[in-house]
Amino acid sequence: MSLQLGDSAPDFHAETTAGRIRFYDWMNGDWAVLFSHPKDFTPVCTTELAEVARLKSRFDRRNVKVIGLSVDPLDAHKRWASDIKETQGYSLNFPLIADEDLRVATLYGMIHPNAAAAETVRAVFVIGADKRVKLMMTYPATTGRNFEEILRVIDSLQLTEDFDVATPVNWSYGDDVIIIPALTDKQAREQFPAGWDNVRPYMRVIHQPSRGH
């Protein structure tokens, strides 16, 4: 059965550029972003890994650990890291999994045979501290990801886990949010005593509840 939202993220052991890890132990109670790359020494992947290295402190502030994956061996990862530093100006500052036997890729459904039989698609999994899958995104090999968007989504996921709210279209951290319809007005008043803008009975808009990064 394929992995779905709300499922427990599969645990695994793997060799990485930071040593051998057990995934759950490596998370150590934090959130995680696990993202895959079709192959080492490819141009789009090179730009993506450098961008994650550049943004790593922003993931850290959200208590989110990042880890990449490619099906190439560890020695190739280490040589690729030199290329990334030389061409993009950023050194890898997070682990990169060497998944030569496709074990992790298979666990997470990263191999899409109609796209490539032996390479991973550009998959992104956001995993909560409870080890459950909060978000999944899949891109083709030719399309680079927007990691600013992934940070934006993590802000929404963490906020809506802490409060009974939903984030509207194009929401960014600090914008107004919506009280979820499942919360009665009585329950909403207990949680949000300052009140809300009653746009419609099903659309109760409030200022974003406080949640520091």
N, C-alpha and C. Protein backbone atom coordinates (compact mmCIF):
# COMPACT_ATOMS: atom_id res chain seq x y z
N MET A 1 0.85 -1.20 0.00
CA MET A 1 0.00 0.00 0.00
C MET A 1 0.89 1.25 0.00
N SER A 2 0.50 2.26 -0.77
CA SER A 2 1.31 3.47 -0.86
C SER A 2 1.15 4.32 0.40
N LEU A 3 2.17 5.08 0.69
CA LEU A 3 2.18 5.96 1.85
C LEU A 3 1.18 7.09 1.66
N GLN A 4 0.43 7.41 2.72
CA GLN A 4 -0.59 8.45 2.64
C GLN A 4 -0.45 9.42 3.81
N LEU A 5 -1.08 10.58 3.67
CA LEU A 5 -1.04 11.57 4.75
C LEU A 5 -1.59 10.97 6.03
N GLY A 6 -0.91 11.24 7.14
CA GLY A 6 -1.34 10.72 8.43
C GLY A 6 -0.74 9.38 8.78
N ASP A 7 -0.14 8.69 7.78
CA ASP A 7 0.51 7.41 8.07
C ASP A 7 1.78 7.64 8.89
N SER A 8 2.19 6.62 9.61
CA SER A 8 3.49 6.67 10.28
C SER A 8 4.58 6.60 9.21
N ALA A 9 5.53 7.50 9.29
CA ALA A 9 6.65 7.48 8.34
C ALA A 9 7.50 6.25 8.63
N PRO A 10 7.84 5.47 7.61
CA PRO A 10 8.66 4.28 7.85
C PRO A 10 10.02 4.62 8.47
N ASP A 11 10.41 3.85 9.45
CA ASP A 11 11.73 3.99 10.04
C ASP A 11 12.72 3.20 9.18
N PHE A 12 13.98 3.54 9.25
CA PHE A 12 14.99 2.83 8.46
C PHE A 12 16.38 3.13 9.01
N HIS A 13 17.32 2.26 8.66
CA HIS A 13 18.75 2.51 8.87
C HIS A 13 19.36 2.84 7.52
N ALA A 14 20.33 3.75 7.50
CA ALA A 14 20.94 4.13 6.22
C ALA A 14 22.32 4.71 6.43
N GLU A 15 23.16 4.54 5.41
CA GLU A 15 24.45 5.21 5.37
C GLU A 15 24.25 6.61 4.79
N THR A 16 24.84 7.61 5.44
CA THR A 16 24.71 8.99 4.99
C THR A 16 26.07 9.67 5.01
N THR A 17 26.12 10.85 4.45
CA THR A 17 27.36 11.64 4.48
C THR A 17 27.73 12.06 5.89
N ALA A 18 26.81 11.89 6.85
CA ALA A 18 27.10 12.21 8.25
C ALA A 18 27.23 10.94 9.09
N GLY A 19 27.40 9.80 8.44
CA GLY A 19 27.52 8.53 9.16
C GLY A 19 26.25 7.71 9.07
N ARG A 20 26.28 6.53 9.68
CA ARG A 20 25.11 5.64 9.66
C ARG A 20 24.08 6.15 10.66
N ILE A 21 22.81 6.18 10.25
CA ILE A 21 21.75 6.66 11.13
C ILE A 21 20.59 5.68 11.16
N ARG A 22 19.86 5.73 12.25
CA ARG A 22 18.50 5.19 12.29
C ARG A 22 17.60 6.41 12.23
N PHE A 23 16.67 6.45 11.30
CA PHE A 23 15.91 7.66 11.01
C PHE A 23 15.21 8.23 12.23
N TYR A 24 14.47 7.41 12.97
CA TYR A 24 13.74 7.90 14.14
C TYR A 24 14.69 8.48 15.19
N ASP A 25 15.82 7.81 15.41
CA ASP A 25 16.79 8.32 16.39
C ASP A 25 17.37 9.65 15.92
N TRP A 26 17.63 9.74 14.62
CA TRP A 26 18.18 10.97 14.06
C TRP A 26 17.20 12.13 14.21
N MET A 27 15.90 11.87 14.04
CA MET A 27 14.89 12.92 14.23
C MET A 27 14.92 13.44 15.67
N ASN A 28 15.02 12.53 16.63
CA ASN A 28 15.18 12.89 18.04
C ASN A 28 14.11 13.87 18.53
N GLY A 29 12.86 13.60 18.14
CA GLY A 29 11.75 14.40 18.62
C GLY A 29 11.44 15.64 17.81
N ASP A 30 12.24 15.93 16.78
CA ASP A 30 12.00 17.09 15.92
C ASP A 30 11.15 16.70 14.71
N TRP A 31 10.76 17.69 13.92
CA TRP A 31 10.16 17.46 12.62
C TRP A 31 11.29 17.13 11.64
N ALA A 32 10.91 16.61 10.47
CA ALA A 32 11.91 16.30 9.46
C ALA A 32 11.37 16.56 8.06
N VAL A 33 12.27 16.94 7.17
CA VAL A 33 11.99 16.97 5.74
C VAL A 33 12.93 15.98 5.08
N LEU A 34 12.35 14.96 4.46
CA LEU A 34 13.10 13.97 3.69
C LEU A 34 12.82 14.24 2.21
N PHE A 35 13.88 14.51 1.44
CA PHE A 35 13.65 14.84 0.04
C PHE A 35 14.64 14.10 -0.84
N SER A 36 14.15 13.62 -1.99
CA SER A 36 14.97 12.75 -2.83
C SER A 36 15.39 13.44 -4.12
N HIS A 37 16.47 12.90 -4.69
CA HIS A 37 17.05 13.42 -5.93
C HIS A 37 17.23 12.28 -6.90
N PRO A 38 16.97 12.51 -8.19
CA PRO A 38 17.10 11.42 -9.16
C PRO A 38 18.51 10.84 -9.24
N LYS A 39 19.54 11.70 -9.17
CA LYS A 39 20.90 11.20 -9.39
C LYS A 39 21.92 12.26 -8.97
N ASP A 40 23.09 11.79 -8.55
CA ASP A 40 24.20 12.71 -8.25
C ASP A 40 24.72 13.35 -9.54
N PHE A 41 25.42 14.45 -9.36
CA PHE A 41 26.06 15.16 -10.47
C PHE A 41 25.06 15.54 -11.57
N THR A 42 23.90 16.00 -11.15
CA THR A 42 22.91 16.52 -12.09
C THR A 42 22.66 17.98 -11.75
N PRO A 43 22.38 18.82 -12.75
CA PRO A 43 22.39 20.27 -12.51
C PRO A 43 21.29 20.77 -11.60
N VAL A 44 20.06 20.28 -11.78
CA VAL A 44 18.96 20.78 -10.95
C VAL A 44 19.17 20.38 -9.50
N CYS A 45 19.55 19.13 -9.28
CA CYS A 45 19.81 18.66 -7.91
C CYS A 45 20.91 19.48 -7.23
N THR A 46 21.93 19.82 -7.99
CA THR A 46 23.03 20.60 -7.44
C THR A 46 22.53 21.93 -6.90
N THR A 47 21.65 22.59 -7.65
CA THR A 47 21.11 23.88 -7.18
C THR A 47 20.20 23.69 -5.96
N GLU A 48 19.45 22.58 -5.94
CA GLU A 48 18.52 22.35 -4.83
C GLU A 48 19.27 22.10 -3.52
N LEU A 49 20.28 21.26 -3.57
CA LEU A 49 21.02 20.95 -2.34
C LEU A 49 21.70 22.20 -1.79
N ALA A 50 22.21 23.04 -2.66
CA ALA A 50 22.83 24.29 -2.21
C ALA A 50 21.78 25.20 -1.58
N GLU A 51 20.59 25.24 -2.14
CA GLU A 51 19.54 26.09 -1.59
C GLU A 51 19.12 25.62 -0.20
N VAL A 52 19.01 24.32 -0.01
CA VAL A 52 18.66 23.80 1.32
C VAL A 52 19.77 24.13 2.32
N ALA A 53 21.02 24.02 1.90
CA ALA A 53 22.13 24.40 2.78
C ALA A 53 22.03 25.88 3.16
N ARG A 54 21.67 26.72 2.19
CA ARG A 54 21.53 28.15 2.46
C ARG A 54 20.41 28.43 3.46
N LEU A 55 19.33 27.66 3.37
CA LEU A 55 18.14 27.89 4.20
C LEU A 55 18.16 27.09 5.50
N LYS A 56 19.19 26.32 5.74
CA LYS A 56 19.15 25.37 6.87
C LYS A 56 18.85 26.05 8.21
N SER A 57 19.39 27.23 8.45
CA SER A 57 19.13 27.89 9.74
C SER A 57 17.65 28.20 9.92
N ARG A 58 16.95 28.43 8.82
CA ARG A 58 15.51 28.69 8.91
C ARG A 58 14.72 27.42 9.21
N PHE A 59 15.19 26.29 8.72
CA PHE A 59 14.59 25.01 9.11
C PHE A 59 14.89 24.75 10.59
N ASP A 60 16.12 25.04 11.01
CA ASP A 60 16.51 24.83 12.41
C ASP A 60 15.61 25.61 13.36
N ARG A 61 15.27 26.85 13.01
CA ARG A 61 14.44 27.68 13.89
C ARG A 61 13.05 27.10 14.07
N ARG A 62 12.64 26.28 13.15
CA ARG A 62 11.32 25.63 13.21
C ARG A 62 11.41 24.23 13.80
N ASN A 63 12.59 23.87 14.31
CA ASN A 63 12.84 22.52 14.85
C ASN A 63 12.58 21.46 13.79
N VAL A 64 13.05 21.73 12.58
CA VAL A 64 12.91 20.81 11.46
C VAL A 64 14.30 20.39 10.99
N LYS A 65 14.54 19.09 10.94
CA LYS A 65 15.79 18.57 10.40
C LYS A 65 15.58 18.22 8.93
N VAL A 66 16.61 18.43 8.12
CA VAL A 66 16.51 18.12 6.69
C VAL A 66 17.49 17.02 6.34
N ILE A 67 17.06 16.13 5.44
CA ILE A 67 17.91 15.03 5.00
C ILE A 67 17.57 14.72 3.55
N GLY A 68 18.61 14.63 2.72
CA GLY A 68 18.41 14.31 1.31
C GLY A 68 18.66 12.85 1.03
N LEU A 69 18.30 12.43 -0.17
CA LEU A 69 18.48 11.03 -0.58
C LEU A 69 18.76 10.97 -2.07
N SER A 70 19.72 10.12 -2.44
CA SER A 70 19.95 9.79 -3.84
C SER A 70 20.37 8.33 -3.90
N VAL A 71 20.16 7.70 -5.05
CA VAL A 71 20.45 6.27 -5.17
C VAL A 71 21.92 5.99 -5.49
N ASP A 72 22.73 7.02 -5.53
CA ASP A 72 24.16 6.83 -5.79
C ASP A 72 24.91 6.51 -4.50
N PRO A 73 26.14 5.96 -4.62
CA PRO A 73 26.89 5.55 -3.43
C PRO A 73 27.49 6.73 -2.65
N LEU A 74 27.94 6.41 -1.46
CA LEU A 74 28.43 7.44 -0.54
C LEU A 74 29.63 8.19 -1.09
N ASP A 75 30.55 7.49 -1.74
CA ASP A 75 31.72 8.18 -2.26
C ASP A 75 31.34 9.19 -3.35
N ALA A 76 30.31 8.88 -4.13
CA ALA A 76 29.83 9.83 -5.13
C ALA A 76 29.22 11.05 -4.45
N HIS A 77 28.46 10.83 -3.38
CA HIS A 77 27.89 11.95 -2.62
C HIS A 77 28.98 12.90 -2.15
N LYS A 78 30.06 12.34 -1.64
CA LYS A 78 31.12 13.18 -1.09
C LYS A 78 31.83 13.97 -2.20
N ARG A 79 32.02 13.34 -3.35
CA ARG A 79 32.62 14.07 -4.47
C ARG A 79 31.66 15.14 -5.00
N TRP A 80 30.38 14.82 -5.02
CA TRP A 80 29.37 15.78 -5.47
C TRP A 80 29.33 16.98 -4.54
N ALA A 81 29.48 16.74 -3.24
CA ALA A 81 29.46 17.84 -2.27
C ALA A 81 30.53 18.89 -2.60
N SER A 82 31.67 18.44 -3.11
CA SER A 82 32.71 19.39 -3.51
C SER A 82 32.26 20.23 -4.69
N ASP A 83 31.59 19.60 -5.65
CA ASP A 83 31.05 20.33 -6.79
C ASP A 83 30.03 21.37 -6.36
N ILE A 84 29.16 20.98 -5.42
CA ILE A 84 28.11 21.89 -4.94
C ILE A 84 28.75 23.13 -4.31
N LYS A 85 29.75 22.90 -3.48
CA LYS A 85 30.45 24.01 -2.85
C LYS A 85 31.11 24.91 -3.89
N GLU A 86 31.78 24.29 -4.87
CA GLU A 86 32.53 25.06 -5.86
C GLU A 86 31.62 25.84 -6.80
N THR A 87 30.52 25.23 -7.22
CA THR A 87 29.66 25.89 -8.23
C THR A 87 28.58 26.77 -7.62
N GLN A 88 28.12 26.45 -6.39
CA GLN A 88 27.00 27.17 -5.81
C GLN A 88 27.38 28.04 -4.61
N GLY A 89 28.55 27.77 -4.02
CA GLY A 89 29.00 28.60 -2.91
C GLY A 89 28.50 28.19 -1.55
N TYR A 90 27.84 27.01 -1.46
CA TYR A 90 27.35 26.53 -0.17
C TYR A 90 27.80 25.10 0.05
N SER A 91 28.27 24.82 1.27
CA SER A 91 28.68 23.46 1.63
C SER A 91 27.49 22.71 2.21
N LEU A 92 27.44 21.41 1.92
CA LEU A 92 26.38 20.59 2.51
C LEU A 92 26.50 20.63 4.04
N ASN A 93 25.41 20.96 4.71
CA ASN A 93 25.40 21.03 6.18
C ASN A 93 24.26 20.19 6.75
N PHE A 94 23.89 19.15 6.00
CA PHE A 94 22.87 18.20 6.42
C PHE A 94 23.19 16.86 5.76
N PRO A 95 22.66 15.75 6.28
CA PRO A 95 23.02 14.43 5.72
C PRO A 95 22.39 14.18 4.35
N LEU A 96 23.09 13.39 3.55
CA LEU A 96 22.59 12.91 2.28
C LEU A 96 22.68 11.38 2.30
N ILE A 97 21.52 10.73 2.15
CA ILE A 97 21.46 9.27 2.24
C ILE A 97 21.97 8.63 0.95
N ALA A 98 22.79 7.60 1.09
CA ALA A 98 23.23 6.79 -0.04
C ALA A 98 22.33 5.56 -0.11
N ASP A 99 21.37 5.58 -1.01
CA ASP A 99 20.33 4.54 -1.07
C ASP A 99 20.55 3.65 -2.30
N GLU A 100 21.73 3.03 -2.37
CA GLU A 100 22.09 2.23 -3.55
C GLU A 100 21.13 1.07 -3.81
N ASP A 101 20.63 0.45 -2.74
CA ASP A 101 19.75 -0.71 -2.91
C ASP A 101 18.27 -0.32 -3.02
N LEU A 102 18.00 1.00 -3.05
CA LEU A 102 16.63 1.53 -3.21
C LEU A 102 15.70 1.16 -2.05
N ARG A 103 16.28 0.77 -0.92
CA ARG A 103 15.44 0.35 0.21
C ARG A 103 14.56 1.49 0.71
N VAL A 104 15.18 2.64 0.97
CA VAL A 104 14.41 3.78 1.49
C VAL A 104 13.48 4.32 0.41
N ALA A 105 13.98 4.39 -0.81
CA ALA A 105 13.16 4.87 -1.92
C ALA A 105 11.91 4.02 -2.09
N THR A 106 12.05 2.72 -1.92
CA THR A 106 10.90 1.82 -2.05
C THR A 106 9.95 1.98 -0.88
N LEU A 107 10.49 2.10 0.33
CA LEU A 107 9.65 2.31 1.52
C LEU A 107 8.75 3.53 1.36
N TYR A 108 9.29 4.58 0.76
CA TYR A 108 8.57 5.85 0.66
C TYR A 108 7.93 6.07 -0.71
N GLY A 109 7.99 5.07 -1.58
CA GLY A 109 7.35 5.19 -2.88
C GLY A 109 7.96 6.25 -3.77
N MET A 110 9.28 6.38 -3.71
CA MET A 110 9.96 7.42 -4.49
C MET A 110 10.30 6.98 -5.92
N ILE A 111 10.16 5.69 -6.20
CA ILE A 111 10.42 5.20 -7.55
C ILE A 111 9.10 5.14 -8.31
N HIS A 112 9.01 5.90 -9.39
CA HIS A 112 7.82 5.90 -10.25
C HIS A 112 8.25 5.33 -11.60
N PRO A 113 7.97 4.05 -11.87
CA PRO A 113 8.51 3.38 -13.06
C PRO A 113 8.19 4.07 -14.38
N ASN A 114 7.05 4.73 -14.47
CA ASN A 114 6.72 5.41 -15.72
C ASN A 114 7.53 6.68 -15.92
N ALA A 115 8.17 7.15 -14.85
CA ALA A 115 9.06 8.32 -14.95
C ALA A 115 10.51 7.87 -15.12
N ALA A 116 10.95 6.96 -14.26
CA ALA A 116 12.30 6.40 -14.34
C ALA A 116 12.34 5.13 -13.49
N ALA A 117 12.78 4.05 -14.08
CA ALA A 117 12.68 2.75 -13.40
C ALA A 117 13.68 2.59 -12.26
N ALA A 118 14.81 3.31 -12.31
CA ALA A 118 15.85 3.09 -11.31
C ALA A 118 16.31 4.38 -10.64
N GLU A 119 15.56 5.46 -10.82
CA GLU A 119 15.90 6.72 -10.19
C GLU A 119 14.69 7.22 -9.40
N THR A 120 14.95 7.98 -8.36
CA THR A 120 13.86 8.54 -7.59
C THR A 120 13.34 9.82 -8.25
N VAL A 121 12.04 10.04 -8.13
CA VAL A 121 11.48 11.33 -8.52
C VAL A 121 11.87 12.35 -7.45
N ARG A 122 11.57 13.63 -7.70
CA ARG A 122 11.85 14.66 -6.70
C ARG A 122 10.71 14.65 -5.67
N ALA A 123 10.82 13.78 -4.69
CA ALA A 123 9.79 13.66 -3.66
C ALA A 123 10.17 14.49 -2.43
N VAL A 124 9.15 15.01 -1.75
CA VAL A 124 9.33 15.73 -0.50
C VAL A 124 8.35 15.15 0.52
N PHE A 125 8.86 14.78 1.68
CA PHE A 125 8.01 14.33 2.78
C PHE A 125 8.29 15.21 3.99
N VAL A 126 7.25 15.84 4.50
CA VAL A 126 7.35 16.57 5.77
C VAL A 126 6.77 15.66 6.83
N ILE A 127 7.56 15.39 7.85
CA ILE A 127 7.21 14.42 8.89
C ILE A 127 7.21 15.13 10.23
N GLY A 128 6.12 15.00 10.98
CA GLY A 128 5.98 15.67 12.26
C GLY A 128 6.77 15.00 13.36
N ALA A 129 6.86 15.66 14.51
CA ALA A 129 7.56 15.08 15.66
C ALA A 129 6.90 13.80 16.12
N ASP A 130 5.62 13.61 15.75
CA ASP A 130 4.91 12.37 16.09
C ASP A 130 5.19 11.24 15.11
N LYS A 131 6.13 11.48 14.17
CA LYS A 131 6.57 10.50 13.16
C LYS A 131 5.51 10.24 12.09
N ARG A 132 4.52 11.10 11.99
CA ARG A 132 3.48 10.92 10.98
C ARG A 132 3.72 11.85 9.79
N VAL A 133 3.34 11.37 8.61
CA VAL A 133 3.51 12.13 7.38
C VAL A 133 2.50 13.27 7.35
N LYS A 134 3.00 14.50 7.29
CA LYS A 134 2.15 15.68 7.28
C LYS A 134 1.91 16.22 5.88
N LEU A 135 2.88 15.98 4.99
CA LEU A 135 2.78 16.52 3.63
C LEU A 135 3.64 15.69 2.70
N MET A 136 3.15 15.50 1.46
CA MET A 136 3.92 14.82 0.42
C MET A 136 3.80 15.65 -0.86
N MET A 137 4.92 15.83 -1.55
CA MET A 137 4.92 16.50 -2.84
C MET A 137 5.84 15.73 -3.78
N THR A 138 5.45 15.64 -5.04
CA THR A 138 6.24 14.92 -6.03
C THR A 138 6.42 15.77 -7.28
N TYR A 139 7.66 15.95 -7.68
CA TYR A 139 8.00 16.74 -8.86
C TYR A 139 8.69 15.83 -9.89
N PRO A 140 8.57 16.14 -11.18
CA PRO A 140 9.36 15.41 -12.16
C PRO A 140 10.82 15.81 -12.08
N ALA A 141 11.67 15.01 -12.69
CA ALA A 141 13.12 15.24 -12.60
C ALA A 141 13.54 16.58 -13.17
N THR A 142 12.78 17.10 -14.12
CA THR A 142 13.19 18.33 -14.81
C THR A 142 12.78 19.61 -14.09
N THR A 143 12.01 19.50 -13.01
CA THR A 143 11.48 20.69 -12.33
C THR A 143 12.06 20.81 -10.93
N GLY A 144 12.81 21.88 -10.70
CA GLY A 144 13.37 22.12 -9.38
C GLY A 144 12.30 22.58 -8.39
N ARG A 145 12.53 22.27 -7.14
CA ARG A 145 11.56 22.61 -6.09
C ARG A 145 11.78 24.01 -5.54
N ASN A 146 10.73 24.56 -4.93
CA ASN A 146 10.79 25.86 -4.28
C ASN A 146 10.82 25.63 -2.77
N PHE A 147 11.99 25.73 -2.16
CA PHE A 147 12.10 25.42 -0.75
C PHE A 147 11.58 26.54 0.15
N GLU A 148 11.43 27.73 -0.39
CA GLU A 148 10.72 28.78 0.36
C GLU A 148 9.27 28.35 0.55
N GLU A 149 8.68 27.74 -0.46
CA GLU A 149 7.30 27.24 -0.35
C GLU A 149 7.22 26.13 0.68
N ILE A 150 8.22 25.27 0.73
CA ILE A 150 8.22 24.19 1.72
C ILE A 150 8.29 24.77 3.13
N LEU A 151 9.07 25.81 3.34
CA LEU A 151 9.09 26.49 4.64
C LEU A 151 7.73 27.09 4.96
N ARG A 152 7.09 27.70 3.96
CA ARG A 152 5.77 28.30 4.17
C ARG A 152 4.76 27.23 4.60
N VAL A 153 4.81 26.08 3.94
CA VAL A 153 3.90 25.00 4.27
C VAL A 153 4.16 24.47 5.68
N ILE A 154 5.43 24.37 6.06
CA ILE A 154 5.76 23.92 7.41
C ILE A 154 5.20 24.89 8.44
N ASP A 155 5.29 26.20 8.17
CA ASP A 155 4.69 27.17 9.08
C ASP A 155 3.20 26.89 9.26
N SER A 156 2.51 26.61 8.16
CA SER A 156 1.08 26.31 8.24
C SER A 156 0.83 25.02 9.01
N LEU A 157 1.59 23.98 8.71
CA LEU A 157 1.40 22.69 9.38
C LEU A 157 1.62 22.80 10.88
N GLN A 158 2.66 23.52 11.28
CA GLN A 158 2.94 23.63 12.71
C GLN A 158 1.92 24.51 13.42
N LEU A 159 1.50 25.59 12.76
CA LEU A 159 0.49 26.46 13.36
C LEU A 159 -0.83 25.73 13.53
N THR A 160 -1.25 25.02 12.50
CA THR A 160 -2.56 24.35 12.55
C THR A 160 -2.54 23.10 13.43
N GLU A 161 -1.35 22.64 13.78
CA GLU A 161 -1.26 21.56 14.77
C GLU A 161 -1.44 22.11 16.18
N ASP A 162 -1.02 23.36 16.39
CA ASP A 162 -1.10 23.98 17.71
C ASP A 162 -2.45 24.62 18.00
N PHE A 163 -3.13 25.09 16.94
CA PHE A 163 -4.39 25.82 17.11
C PHE A 163 -5.43 25.27 16.14
N ASP A 164 -6.72 25.43 16.49
CA ASP A 164 -7.81 24.95 15.64
C ASP A 164 -8.11 25.97 14.54
N VAL A 165 -7.14 26.13 13.65
CA VAL A 165 -7.27 27.08 12.56
C VAL A 165 -6.81 26.43 11.26
N ALA A 166 -7.18 27.07 10.15
CA ALA A 166 -6.70 26.70 8.82
C ALA A 166 -6.12 27.95 8.17
N THR A 167 -5.19 27.76 7.24
CA THR A 167 -4.57 28.90 6.58
C THR A 167 -5.15 29.05 5.17
N PRO A 168 -5.55 30.28 4.79
CA PRO A 168 -6.19 30.49 3.49
C PRO A 168 -5.18 30.52 2.34
N VAL A 169 -5.71 30.71 1.15
CA VAL A 169 -4.89 30.74 -0.06
C VAL A 169 -3.77 31.78 0.07
N ASN A 170 -2.58 31.39 -0.38
CA ASN A 170 -1.41 32.28 -0.43
C ASN A 170 -1.00 32.81 0.94
N TRP A 171 -1.42 32.14 1.99
CA TRP A 171 -1.08 32.57 3.35
C TRP A 171 0.42 32.54 3.57
N SER A 172 0.91 33.53 4.30
CA SER A 172 2.28 33.56 4.78
C SER A 172 2.26 33.82 6.28
N TYR A 173 3.33 33.43 6.96
CA TYR A 173 3.39 33.57 8.41
C TYR A 173 3.09 35.01 8.82
N GLY A 174 2.14 35.17 9.75
CA GLY A 174 1.73 36.49 10.23
C GLY A 174 0.42 36.97 9.65
N ASP A 175 -0.04 36.35 8.54
CA ASP A 175 -1.32 36.73 7.94
C ASP A 175 -2.49 36.19 8.77
N ASP A 176 -3.68 36.74 8.51
CA ASP A 176 -4.88 36.24 9.17
C ASP A 176 -5.14 34.78 8.81
N VAL A 177 -5.84 34.09 9.73
CA VAL A 177 -6.17 32.68 9.51
C VAL A 177 -7.67 32.49 9.75
N ILE A 178 -8.15 31.27 9.54
CA ILE A 178 -9.57 30.95 9.62
C ILE A 178 -9.79 29.90 10.70
N ILE A 179 -10.77 30.13 11.56
CA ILE A 179 -11.15 29.12 12.56
C ILE A 179 -11.78 27.93 11.83
N ILE A 180 -11.38 26.72 12.18
CA ILE A 180 -11.89 25.55 11.45
C ILE A 180 -13.40 25.40 11.69
N PRO A 181 -14.16 24.99 10.68
CA PRO A 181 -15.61 24.85 10.81
C PRO A 181 -16.04 23.87 11.90
N ALA A 182 -15.20 22.87 12.20
CA ALA A 182 -15.57 21.87 13.21
C ALA A 182 -15.68 22.45 14.62
N LEU A 183 -15.08 23.63 14.84
CA LEU A 183 -15.10 24.26 16.16
C LEU A 183 -16.37 25.09 16.28
N THR A 184 -17.19 24.81 17.29
CA THR A 184 -18.41 25.60 17.50
C THR A 184 -18.04 27.01 17.96
N ASP A 185 -18.99 27.94 17.86
CA ASP A 185 -18.74 29.30 18.32
C ASP A 185 -18.37 29.31 19.80
N LYS A 186 -19.04 28.47 20.58
CA LYS A 186 -18.74 28.41 22.01
C LYS A 186 -17.30 27.96 22.24
N GLN A 187 -16.89 26.92 21.53
CA GLN A 187 -15.51 26.43 21.67
C GLN A 187 -14.51 27.47 21.16
N ALA A 188 -14.90 28.16 20.08
CA ALA A 188 -14.01 29.18 19.51
C ALA A 188 -13.80 30.33 20.48
N ARG A 189 -14.87 30.73 21.19
CA ARG A 189 -14.74 31.83 22.15
C ARG A 189 -13.80 31.47 23.29
N GLU A 190 -13.78 30.19 23.67
CA GLU A 190 -12.87 29.75 24.73
C GLU A 190 -11.42 29.80 24.26
N GLN A 191 -11.20 29.46 23.00
CA GLN A 191 -9.84 29.41 22.48
C GLN A 191 -9.36 30.77 21.97
N PHE A 192 -10.32 31.58 21.45
CA PHE A 192 -9.98 32.87 20.87
C PHE A 192 -10.88 33.96 21.48
N PRO A 193 -10.63 34.32 22.74
CA PRO A 193 -11.52 35.24 23.45
C PRO A 193 -11.58 36.64 22.84
N ALA A 194 -10.61 37.02 22.03
CA ALA A 194 -10.63 38.35 21.41
C ALA A 194 -11.66 38.44 20.29
N GLY A 195 -12.23 37.30 19.91
CA GLY A 195 -13.27 37.29 18.88
C GLY A 195 -12.71 37.17 17.48
N TRP A 196 -13.60 37.31 16.50
CA TRP A 196 -13.23 37.10 15.10
C TRP A 196 -14.12 37.92 14.20
N ASP A 197 -13.70 38.01 12.94
CA ASP A 197 -14.50 38.66 11.91
C ASP A 197 -15.38 37.59 11.26
N ASN A 198 -16.70 37.73 11.46
CA ASN A 198 -17.63 36.71 10.98
C ASN A 198 -18.02 37.01 9.52
N VAL A 199 -17.12 36.66 8.59
CA VAL A 199 -17.37 36.91 7.17
C VAL A 199 -18.59 36.13 6.70
N ARG A 200 -18.67 34.90 7.10
CA ARG A 200 -19.81 34.01 6.90
C ARG A 200 -19.82 33.06 8.10
N PRO A 201 -20.95 32.41 8.38
CA PRO A 201 -20.95 31.47 9.52
C PRO A 201 -19.85 30.42 9.42
N TYR A 202 -19.48 30.07 8.20
CA TYR A 202 -18.43 29.07 8.02
C TYR A 202 -17.05 29.69 7.81
N MET A 203 -16.97 31.02 7.81
CA MET A 203 -15.69 31.69 7.58
C MET A 203 -15.45 32.73 8.67
N ARG A 204 -14.80 32.29 9.73
CA ARG A 204 -14.51 33.15 10.89
C ARG A 204 -13.01 33.47 10.87
N VAL A 205 -12.71 34.71 10.57
CA VAL A 205 -11.32 35.13 10.34
C VAL A 205 -10.76 35.78 11.60
N ILE A 206 -9.53 35.38 11.98
CA ILE A 206 -8.86 35.96 13.15
C ILE A 206 -7.41 36.28 12.79
N HIS A 207 -6.80 37.14 13.62
CA HIS A 207 -5.37 37.34 13.48
C HIS A 207 -4.66 36.04 13.85
N GLN A 208 -3.55 35.80 13.22
CA GLN A 208 -2.81 34.57 13.50
C GLN A 208 -2.46 34.46 14.98
N PRO A 209 -2.79 33.34 15.63
CA PRO A 209 -2.34 33.15 17.01
C PRO A 209 -0.83 33.15 17.07
N SER A 210 -0.29 33.53 18.20
CA SER A 210 1.15 33.68 18.33
C SER A 210 1.83 32.31 18.34
N ARG A 211 2.87 32.20 17.51
CA ARG A 211 3.73 31.01 17.53
C ARG A 211 5.10 31.43 17.06
N GLY A 212 6.05 31.55 17.97
CA GLY A 212 7.38 31.97 17.60
C GLY A 212 8.14 30.90 16.87
N HIS A 213 9.07 31.31 16.04
CA HIS A 213 9.92 30.35 15.32
C HIS A 213 11.08 29.94 16.22
